[in-house]
Structure formats: structure tokens, C-alpha cells
Amino acid sequence: MENSLRKELHEMIDNFSEEKLQEVYELLQEDELSDEMKMILDGEYEDYQKTGNVIRKEDVDKVIHSILSK
């Protein structure tokens, strides 16, 4: 299962624009995630564990954009 998630993430990253890559990089460089981001990630992970489905790239873009815009 972990390899599948890793593969999916790599595929998403390969298709990101340079701007989106920069946003994700900055998000990952933060020392600590906000409580909101932790809650979102925990919820997505729980959904993934239950269903095996991952969120669509478009949805990831929206979540990242909304968090970085704050």
C-alpha cells in the first residue's frame, strides 16, 4: 500500500507546474504544520485507509492553494 501511495505522489509531482511545486516545497519546509493542515491531512489519510482512494490532483491543488492563501 505504501508503494502505491508513494507512486501516486510521484506521479502528481511529475505533473505539477513549477508554481505548484514551489507552493508544495514551501509548505513542506515549514517547521510545523498548522492545526488546520494537520486536521485536513489526518482526514485524508483516514479516508485513504478506509477506501484506498486518493484525492484527485485538482482537489489537492484547491486545498494547498486555500491553505497557502491564508
N, C-alpha and C. Protein backbone atom coordinates (compact mmCIF):
# COMPACT_ATOMS: atom_id res chain seq x y z
N MET A 1 0.83 -1.20 0.00
CA MET A 1 0.00 0.00 0.00
C MET A 1 0.87 1.25 0.00
N GLU A 2 1.95 1.25 0.79
CA GLU A 2 2.80 2.43 0.86
C GLU A 2 3.43 2.74 -0.49
N ASN A 3 3.87 1.71 -1.21
CA ASN A 3 4.47 1.94 -2.51
C ASN A 3 3.47 2.55 -3.48
N SER A 4 2.21 2.15 -3.37
CA SER A 4 1.17 2.70 -4.23
C SER A 4 0.98 4.19 -3.94
N LEU A 5 0.94 4.56 -2.68
CA LEU A 5 0.79 5.95 -2.30
C LEU A 5 2.01 6.75 -2.75
N ARG A 6 3.18 6.20 -2.56
CA ARG A 6 4.42 6.86 -2.99
C ARG A 6 4.41 7.06 -4.51
N LYS A 7 4.00 6.04 -5.24
CA LYS A 7 3.94 6.12 -6.70
C LYS A 7 2.94 7.21 -7.13
N GLU A 8 1.77 7.23 -6.50
CA GLU A 8 0.75 8.23 -6.83
C GLU A 8 1.28 9.63 -6.57
N LEU A 9 1.95 9.81 -5.44
CA LEU A 9 2.51 11.12 -5.11
C LEU A 9 3.57 11.53 -6.13
N HIS A 10 4.43 10.61 -6.52
CA HIS A 10 5.44 10.92 -7.53
C HIS A 10 4.80 11.32 -8.85
N GLU A 11 3.76 10.62 -9.24
CA GLU A 11 3.07 10.95 -10.49
C GLU A 11 2.45 12.34 -10.41
N MET A 12 1.88 12.68 -9.26
CA MET A 12 1.29 14.00 -9.10
C MET A 12 2.38 15.07 -9.20
N ILE A 13 3.49 14.86 -8.51
CA ILE A 13 4.58 15.83 -8.53
C ILE A 13 5.12 16.00 -9.94
N ASP A 14 5.24 14.91 -10.67
CA ASP A 14 5.75 14.98 -12.04
C ASP A 14 4.88 15.86 -12.93
N ASN A 15 3.60 15.99 -12.58
CA ASN A 15 2.68 16.77 -13.41
C ASN A 15 2.41 18.18 -12.88
N PHE A 16 2.99 18.53 -11.72
CA PHE A 16 2.80 19.87 -11.17
C PHE A 16 3.51 20.91 -12.01
N SER A 17 2.93 22.10 -12.06
CA SER A 17 3.62 23.24 -12.66
C SER A 17 4.74 23.67 -11.72
N GLU A 18 5.66 24.49 -12.22
CA GLU A 18 6.73 24.98 -11.36
C GLU A 18 6.17 25.79 -10.20
N GLU A 19 5.12 26.54 -10.46
CA GLU A 19 4.48 27.33 -9.40
C GLU A 19 3.92 26.42 -8.31
N LYS A 20 3.25 25.36 -8.72
CA LYS A 20 2.67 24.43 -7.74
C LYS A 20 3.77 23.70 -6.98
N LEU A 21 4.85 23.33 -7.67
CA LEU A 21 5.97 22.71 -6.98
C LEU A 21 6.55 23.62 -5.91
N GLN A 22 6.65 24.90 -6.23
CA GLN A 22 7.16 25.87 -5.26
C GLN A 22 6.24 25.96 -4.05
N GLU A 23 4.94 25.96 -4.27
CA GLU A 23 3.98 26.03 -3.17
C GLU A 23 4.10 24.80 -2.27
N VAL A 24 4.20 23.64 -2.88
CA VAL A 24 4.31 22.41 -2.10
C VAL A 24 5.64 22.40 -1.34
N TYR A 25 6.70 22.81 -2.00
CA TYR A 25 8.01 22.86 -1.35
C TYR A 25 7.98 23.78 -0.13
N GLU A 26 7.40 24.95 -0.28
CA GLU A 26 7.31 25.89 0.84
C GLU A 26 6.46 25.31 1.97
N LEU A 27 5.40 24.65 1.62
CA LEU A 27 4.54 24.03 2.62
C LEU A 27 5.33 22.98 3.41
N LEU A 28 6.11 22.17 2.72
CA LEU A 28 6.86 21.11 3.37
C LEU A 28 8.05 21.64 4.17
N GLN A 29 8.50 22.84 3.84
CA GLN A 29 9.64 23.42 4.54
C GLN A 29 9.25 24.06 5.87
N GLU A 30 7.99 24.29 6.08
CA GLU A 30 7.55 24.88 7.34
C GLU A 30 7.92 23.95 8.48
N ASP A 31 8.36 24.56 9.59
CA ASP A 31 8.78 23.76 10.74
C ASP A 31 7.64 22.96 11.34
N GLU A 32 6.47 23.54 11.33
CA GLU A 32 5.33 22.88 11.96
C GLU A 32 4.08 23.13 11.13
N LEU A 33 3.30 22.10 10.96
CA LEU A 33 2.05 22.26 10.23
C LEU A 33 1.02 22.94 11.12
N SER A 34 0.16 23.72 10.51
CA SER A 34 -0.92 24.33 11.27
C SER A 34 -1.89 23.26 11.72
N ASP A 35 -2.68 23.58 12.73
CA ASP A 35 -3.69 22.64 13.20
C ASP A 35 -4.67 22.30 12.09
N GLU A 36 -5.00 23.31 11.27
CA GLU A 36 -5.93 23.08 10.17
C GLU A 36 -5.34 22.09 9.17
N MET A 37 -4.06 22.28 8.83
CA MET A 37 -3.42 21.39 7.87
C MET A 37 -3.33 19.97 8.43
N LYS A 38 -3.00 19.84 9.71
CA LYS A 38 -2.94 18.52 10.34
C LYS A 38 -4.30 17.83 10.27
N MET A 39 -5.36 18.59 10.55
CA MET A 39 -6.70 18.03 10.52
C MET A 39 -7.06 17.57 9.10
N ILE A 40 -6.73 18.37 8.11
CA ILE A 40 -7.02 18.01 6.72
C ILE A 40 -6.26 16.76 6.32
N LEU A 41 -4.96 16.73 6.64
CA LEU A 41 -4.14 15.57 6.28
C LEU A 41 -4.60 14.31 7.01
N ASP A 42 -4.94 14.44 8.29
CA ASP A 42 -5.43 13.29 9.05
C ASP A 42 -6.73 12.76 8.44
N GLY A 43 -7.61 13.66 8.07
CA GLY A 43 -8.87 13.24 7.45
C GLY A 43 -8.66 12.55 6.12
N GLU A 44 -7.77 13.09 5.31
CA GLU A 44 -7.48 12.47 4.01
C GLU A 44 -6.85 11.09 4.19
N TYR A 45 -5.96 10.99 5.17
CA TYR A 45 -5.31 9.70 5.41
C TYR A 45 -6.31 8.66 5.90
N GLU A 46 -7.20 9.06 6.79
CA GLU A 46 -8.24 8.14 7.27
C GLU A 46 -9.12 7.67 6.12
N ASP A 47 -9.50 8.61 5.24
CA ASP A 47 -10.29 8.23 4.06
C ASP A 47 -9.53 7.25 3.19
N TYR A 48 -8.24 7.52 3.00
CA TYR A 48 -7.41 6.63 2.18
C TYR A 48 -7.36 5.23 2.78
N GLN A 49 -7.18 5.16 4.10
CA GLN A 49 -7.12 3.85 4.76
C GLN A 49 -8.43 3.09 4.61
N LYS A 50 -9.55 3.78 4.67
CA LYS A 50 -10.86 3.14 4.57
C LYS A 50 -11.18 2.70 3.14
N THR A 51 -10.87 3.55 2.17
CA THR A 51 -11.32 3.32 0.80
C THR A 51 -10.21 2.93 -0.17
N GLY A 52 -8.98 3.28 0.15
CA GLY A 52 -7.88 3.05 -0.78
C GLY A 52 -7.82 4.08 -1.89
N ASN A 53 -8.77 5.02 -1.86
CA ASN A 53 -8.80 6.07 -2.88
C ASN A 53 -7.96 7.25 -2.45
N VAL A 54 -7.34 7.89 -3.42
CA VAL A 54 -6.61 9.13 -3.14
C VAL A 54 -7.38 10.29 -3.74
N ILE A 55 -7.16 11.48 -3.22
CA ILE A 55 -7.87 12.63 -3.77
C ILE A 55 -7.29 13.02 -5.11
N ARG A 56 -8.12 13.60 -5.93
CA ARG A 56 -7.71 14.00 -7.27
C ARG A 56 -6.73 15.16 -7.20
N LYS A 57 -5.88 15.29 -8.20
CA LYS A 57 -4.90 16.36 -8.26
C LYS A 57 -5.57 17.72 -8.15
N GLU A 58 -6.70 17.88 -8.80
CA GLU A 58 -7.42 19.15 -8.76
C GLU A 58 -7.84 19.51 -7.33
N ASP A 59 -8.25 18.49 -6.59
CA ASP A 59 -8.64 18.72 -5.20
C ASP A 59 -7.44 19.06 -4.33
N VAL A 60 -6.32 18.39 -4.59
CA VAL A 60 -5.09 18.71 -3.86
C VAL A 60 -4.70 20.16 -4.13
N ASP A 61 -4.77 20.55 -5.39
CA ASP A 61 -4.44 21.94 -5.76
C ASP A 61 -5.30 22.93 -4.99
N LYS A 62 -6.58 22.66 -4.91
CA LYS A 62 -7.50 23.55 -4.21
C LYS A 62 -7.16 23.66 -2.72
N VAL A 63 -6.90 22.51 -2.11
CA VAL A 63 -6.59 22.50 -0.67
C VAL A 63 -5.30 23.26 -0.40
N ILE A 64 -4.27 22.97 -1.18
CA ILE A 64 -2.99 23.64 -0.99
C ILE A 64 -3.13 25.15 -1.21
N HIS A 65 -3.82 25.50 -2.28
CA HIS A 65 -3.99 26.93 -2.58
C HIS A 65 -4.74 27.64 -1.47
N SER A 66 -5.81 27.02 -0.96
CA SER A 66 -6.59 27.68 0.09
C SER A 66 -5.77 27.85 1.37
N ILE A 67 -4.94 26.88 1.69
CA ILE A 67 -4.13 26.99 2.90
C ILE A 67 -3.02 28.02 2.73
N LEU A 68 -2.37 28.01 1.59
CA LEU A 68 -1.27 28.96 1.37
C LEU A 68 -1.77 30.39 1.19
N SER A 69 -3.01 30.55 0.84
CA SER A 69 -3.57 31.89 0.63
C SER A 69 -3.90 32.60 1.94
N LYS A 70 -3.92 31.86 3.03
CA LYS A 70 -4.30 32.44 4.32
C LYS A 70 -3.16 33.23 4.92
